[in-house]
Amino acid sequence: MKIASYIITVIALAIGVFKLSKINFDGPLKGDSFTALITAIAAGCAILIVTALRVSKKIDNLSKKG
């Protein structure tokens, strides 16, 4: 599970960076730029979710030990 969470984080980070490079900052809510913006936000959300899962697993393991 730990390795899978790191792999998901790296993939989401790569997608987010790629899509951020596709955003036209003169008109970020028009055409393909809007799709890139939504995808970059979704990648950020995926990173946050996986990080929260990783932290909750760590807390669970610590509570089982103590």
N, C-alpha and C. Protein backbone atom coordinates (compact mmCIF):
# COMPACT_ATOMS: atom_id res chain seq x y z
N MET A 1 0.82 -1.19 0.00
CA MET A 1 0.00 0.00 0.00
C MET A 1 0.87 1.26 0.00
N LYS A 2 1.97 1.20 0.73
CA LYS A 2 2.84 2.36 0.84
C LYS A 2 3.45 2.71 -0.53
N ILE A 3 3.91 1.69 -1.23
CA ILE A 3 4.53 1.91 -2.54
C ILE A 3 3.48 2.41 -3.54
N ALA A 4 2.28 1.85 -3.47
CA ALA A 4 1.21 2.27 -4.38
C ALA A 4 0.85 3.73 -4.17
N SER A 5 0.84 4.17 -2.91
CA SER A 5 0.50 5.57 -2.65
C SER A 5 1.57 6.50 -3.20
N TYR A 6 2.83 6.11 -3.11
CA TYR A 6 3.89 6.93 -3.67
C TYR A 6 3.83 6.96 -5.21
N ILE A 7 3.50 5.82 -5.81
CA ILE A 7 3.38 5.77 -7.27
C ILE A 7 2.23 6.66 -7.74
N ILE A 8 1.09 6.59 -7.04
CA ILE A 8 -0.06 7.42 -7.40
C ILE A 8 0.29 8.90 -7.25
N THR A 9 1.03 9.25 -6.20
CA THR A 9 1.43 10.63 -5.98
C THR A 9 2.33 11.13 -7.11
N VAL A 10 3.29 10.32 -7.51
CA VAL A 10 4.20 10.71 -8.58
C VAL A 10 3.46 10.87 -9.90
N ILE A 11 2.55 9.95 -10.20
CA ILE A 11 1.78 10.05 -11.44
C ILE A 11 0.89 11.30 -11.43
N ALA A 12 0.22 11.56 -10.31
CA ALA A 12 -0.63 12.75 -10.21
C ALA A 12 0.19 14.02 -10.32
N LEU A 13 1.37 14.03 -9.72
CA LEU A 13 2.25 15.19 -9.81
C LEU A 13 2.69 15.43 -11.26
N ALA A 14 3.04 14.36 -11.96
CA ALA A 14 3.45 14.49 -13.36
C ALA A 14 2.30 15.02 -14.22
N ILE A 15 1.11 14.49 -14.01
CA ILE A 15 -0.05 14.96 -14.77
C ILE A 15 -0.34 16.42 -14.46
N GLY A 16 -0.27 16.77 -13.17
CA GLY A 16 -0.54 18.15 -12.77
C GLY A 16 0.44 19.14 -13.37
N VAL A 17 1.72 18.80 -13.35
CA VAL A 17 2.73 19.69 -13.92
C VAL A 17 2.55 19.81 -15.43
N PHE A 18 2.26 18.69 -16.09
CA PHE A 18 2.05 18.72 -17.53
C PHE A 18 0.86 19.59 -17.89
N LYS A 19 -0.23 19.43 -17.16
CA LYS A 19 -1.43 20.21 -17.46
C LYS A 19 -1.26 21.68 -17.10
N LEU A 20 -0.48 21.98 -16.06
CA LEU A 20 -0.22 23.38 -15.74
C LEU A 20 0.54 24.08 -16.86
N SER A 21 1.37 23.32 -17.57
CA SER A 21 2.10 23.91 -18.68
C SER A 21 1.19 24.18 -19.89
N LYS A 22 0.04 23.53 -19.92
CA LYS A 22 -0.90 23.70 -21.04
C LYS A 22 -1.90 24.84 -20.83
N ILE A 23 -1.91 25.43 -19.65
CA ILE A 23 -2.89 26.48 -19.36
C ILE A 23 -2.44 27.80 -19.97
N ASN A 24 -3.35 28.44 -20.70
CA ASN A 24 -3.12 29.77 -21.24
C ASN A 24 -3.58 30.76 -20.17
N PHE A 25 -2.65 31.43 -19.52
CA PHE A 25 -2.99 32.28 -18.39
C PHE A 25 -3.63 33.61 -18.82
N ASP A 26 -3.66 33.89 -20.11
CA ASP A 26 -4.39 35.07 -20.59
C ASP A 26 -5.90 34.81 -20.59
N GLY A 27 -6.28 33.56 -20.82
CA GLY A 27 -7.69 33.17 -20.80
C GLY A 27 -7.83 31.77 -20.23
N PRO A 28 -7.67 31.61 -18.92
CA PRO A 28 -7.64 30.25 -18.36
C PRO A 28 -8.99 29.53 -18.36
N LEU A 29 -10.07 30.24 -18.62
CA LEU A 29 -11.38 29.61 -18.59
C LEU A 29 -11.98 29.43 -19.99
N LYS A 30 -11.13 29.40 -21.00
CA LYS A 30 -11.60 29.27 -22.38
C LYS A 30 -10.98 28.05 -23.04
N GLY A 31 -11.81 27.23 -23.66
CA GLY A 31 -11.36 26.12 -24.50
C GLY A 31 -10.56 25.06 -23.76
N ASP A 32 -9.44 24.64 -24.38
CA ASP A 32 -8.60 23.58 -23.84
C ASP A 32 -7.92 24.00 -22.55
N SER A 33 -7.76 25.28 -22.35
CA SER A 33 -7.14 25.77 -21.13
C SER A 33 -8.00 25.46 -19.91
N PHE A 34 -9.31 25.52 -20.08
CA PHE A 34 -10.23 25.19 -18.99
C PHE A 34 -10.11 23.72 -18.60
N THR A 35 -10.01 22.85 -19.61
CA THR A 35 -9.84 21.42 -19.36
C THR A 35 -8.53 21.15 -18.63
N ALA A 36 -7.48 21.83 -19.05
CA ALA A 36 -6.19 21.67 -18.39
C ALA A 36 -6.24 22.16 -16.95
N LEU A 37 -6.95 23.24 -16.70
CA LEU A 37 -7.09 23.77 -15.35
C LEU A 37 -7.83 22.79 -14.45
N ILE A 38 -8.93 22.24 -14.93
CA ILE A 38 -9.71 21.27 -14.15
C ILE A 38 -8.87 20.02 -13.88
N THR A 39 -8.13 19.55 -14.86
CA THR A 39 -7.29 18.37 -14.68
C THR A 39 -6.18 18.62 -13.67
N ALA A 40 -5.58 19.80 -13.71
CA ALA A 40 -4.53 20.13 -12.74
C ALA A 40 -5.10 20.19 -11.33
N ILE A 41 -6.30 20.74 -11.18
CA ILE A 41 -6.95 20.77 -9.86
C ILE A 41 -7.26 19.35 -9.38
N ALA A 42 -7.72 18.51 -10.28
CA ALA A 42 -8.03 17.12 -9.93
C ALA A 42 -6.76 16.37 -9.51
N ALA A 43 -5.66 16.64 -10.17
CA ALA A 43 -4.39 16.01 -9.79
C ALA A 43 -3.97 16.46 -8.40
N GLY A 44 -4.16 17.73 -8.10
CA GLY A 44 -3.85 18.22 -6.76
C GLY A 44 -4.73 17.57 -5.71
N CYS A 45 -6.00 17.38 -6.02
CA CYS A 45 -6.91 16.71 -5.09
C CYS A 45 -6.49 15.25 -4.87
N ALA A 46 -6.07 14.59 -5.93
CA ALA A 46 -5.61 13.21 -5.80
C ALA A 46 -4.40 13.12 -4.89
N ILE A 47 -3.48 14.07 -5.01
CA ILE A 47 -2.31 14.09 -4.15
C ILE A 47 -2.72 14.30 -2.70
N LEU A 48 -3.64 15.20 -2.45
CA LEU A 48 -4.11 15.44 -1.08
C LEU A 48 -4.81 14.22 -0.50
N ILE A 49 -5.61 13.55 -1.28
CA ILE A 49 -6.33 12.37 -0.79
C ILE A 49 -5.36 11.25 -0.45
N VAL A 50 -4.39 11.01 -1.31
CA VAL A 50 -3.42 9.94 -1.06
C VAL A 50 -2.55 10.28 0.14
N THR A 51 -2.20 11.55 0.30
CA THR A 51 -1.42 11.96 1.46
C THR A 51 -2.23 11.78 2.74
N ALA A 52 -3.50 12.13 2.72
CA ALA A 52 -4.35 11.92 3.89
C ALA A 52 -4.47 10.44 4.23
N LEU A 53 -4.57 9.60 3.21
CA LEU A 53 -4.63 8.16 3.43
C LEU A 53 -3.34 7.65 4.07
N ARG A 54 -2.21 8.14 3.57
CA ARG A 54 -0.92 7.73 4.10
C ARG A 54 -0.77 8.15 5.57
N VAL A 55 -1.20 9.36 5.89
CA VAL A 55 -1.11 9.85 7.28
C VAL A 55 -2.06 9.05 8.18
N SER A 56 -3.26 8.75 7.70
CA SER A 56 -4.20 8.00 8.52
C SER A 56 -3.70 6.58 8.79
N LYS A 57 -3.05 5.97 7.81
CA LYS A 57 -2.46 4.65 8.02
C LYS A 57 -1.34 4.71 9.05
N LYS A 58 -0.54 5.78 9.00
CA LYS A 58 0.54 5.92 9.96
C LYS A 58 -0.03 6.10 11.37
N ILE A 59 -1.09 6.89 11.52
CA ILE A 59 -1.73 7.08 12.82
C ILE A 59 -2.33 5.76 13.30
N ASP A 60 -2.94 5.00 12.41
CA ASP A 60 -3.52 3.71 12.77
C ASP A 60 -2.44 2.75 13.27
N ASN A 61 -1.31 2.72 12.59
CA ASN A 61 -0.22 1.85 13.03
C ASN A 61 0.33 2.29 14.39
N LEU A 62 0.43 3.59 14.64
CA LEU A 62 0.92 4.07 15.92
C LEU A 62 -0.07 3.76 17.05
N SER A 63 -1.36 3.85 16.77
CA SER A 63 -2.36 3.56 17.81
C SER A 63 -2.42 2.07 18.14
N LYS A 64 -2.13 1.22 17.17
CA LYS A 64 -2.11 -0.23 17.41
C LYS A 64 -0.91 -0.62 18.26
N LYS A 65 0.22 0.09 18.09
CA LYS A 65 1.42 -0.21 18.87
C LYS A 65 1.29 0.22 20.32
N GLY A 66 0.61 1.37 20.53
CA GLY A 66 0.56 1.94 21.88
C GLY A 66 -0.63 1.58 22.60
